[in-house]
Protein backbone atom coordinates (compact mmCIF):
# COMPACT_ATOMS: atom_id res chain seq x y z
CA MET A 1 77.63 67.84 153.68
CA PRO A 2 77.13 70.91 151.46
CA ALA A 3 76.11 68.88 148.38
CA LEU A 4 73.28 67.21 150.29
CA GLU A 5 72.12 70.56 151.70
CA ASP A 6 72.25 72.13 148.23
CA THR A 7 70.22 69.28 146.77
CA CYS A 8 67.63 69.56 149.55
CA THR A 9 67.38 73.32 148.92
CA GLN A 10 66.65 72.53 145.26
CA LEU A 11 63.99 70.05 146.32
CA VAL A 12 62.22 72.59 148.53
CA ALA A 13 62.05 74.94 145.52
CA LEU A 14 61.12 72.18 143.03
CA PRO A 15 59.69 69.21 144.97
CA SER A 16 58.68 67.34 141.81
CA LEU A 17 62.29 67.30 140.61
CA GLY A 18 62.86 63.66 141.60
CA SER A 19 61.30 60.66 139.93
CA VAL A 20 58.41 58.86 141.63
CA ARG A 21 59.28 55.35 142.81
CA ASN A 22 56.63 52.67 143.11
CA PHE A 23 57.34 50.54 146.14
CA GLY A 24 54.85 47.90 147.29
CA HIS A 25 54.34 49.29 150.80
CA LYS A 26 51.30 51.62 151.09
CA ASP A 27 53.15 54.01 153.43
CA LEU A 28 55.71 54.66 150.69
CA LYS A 29 53.23 55.97 148.11
CA GLY A 30 54.57 59.12 146.48
CA VAL A 31 58.21 58.57 147.46
CA ARG A 32 60.56 60.29 145.04
CA MET A 33 64.23 59.68 144.32
CA LEU A 34 66.93 62.12 143.23
CA PRO A 35 70.71 61.81 142.99
CA VAL A 36 72.71 64.14 145.23
CA THR A 37 74.18 66.92 143.10
CA GLY A 38 77.84 66.14 142.45
CA PHE A 39 77.53 62.69 144.08
CA GLU A 40 75.28 60.83 141.63
CA HIS A 41 76.01 57.50 143.33
CA TYR A 42 74.08 58.73 146.37
CA LEU A 43 70.31 58.89 146.14
CA ILE A 44 67.87 60.90 148.25
CA PHE A 45 64.51 59.28 148.88
CA TYR A 46 61.90 61.80 149.98
CA THR A 47 58.26 62.84 150.06
CA ALA A 48 57.02 66.34 149.36
CA THR A 49 54.23 68.53 150.70
CA ASP A 50 53.26 72.02 149.60
CA LYS A 51 55.95 73.67 151.73
CA ASN A 52 58.38 70.98 152.85
CA ILE A 53 60.19 67.86 151.91
CA HIS A 54 60.72 64.90 154.21
CA VAL A 55 63.95 63.02 153.53
CA ILE A 56 63.39 59.34 154.27
CA ARG A 57 66.85 57.98 153.47
CA VAL A 58 70.05 58.72 151.60
CA LEU A 59 71.52 55.56 150.10
CA HIS A 60 74.37 54.59 147.83
CA ALA A 61 73.03 53.62 144.41
CA ALA A 62 74.66 50.18 144.65
CA ARG A 63 72.35 49.28 147.55
CA ASP A 64 69.31 47.12 146.81
CA PHE A 65 66.86 49.89 147.63
CA PRO A 66 63.74 48.05 146.36
CA THR A 67 64.41 45.43 149.02
CA ILE A 68 65.18 48.05 151.66
CA PHE A 69 61.84 49.78 151.00
CA HIS A 70 59.83 46.57 150.70
């Protein structure tokens, strides 16, 4: 999916691009969320390090993601 790859390339260059989400689980501290470019109903959930991003999940925005990440 080129749009997902393009969005991930943007995230590697600018890892703070997505908004930080506060989920209750301690292992999810620092998870960020960003819509996929051109497919705003799909959200990338990821964490970032100095050189990489780690995509946790890609979900449709209609999903109850707070419950999924609980």
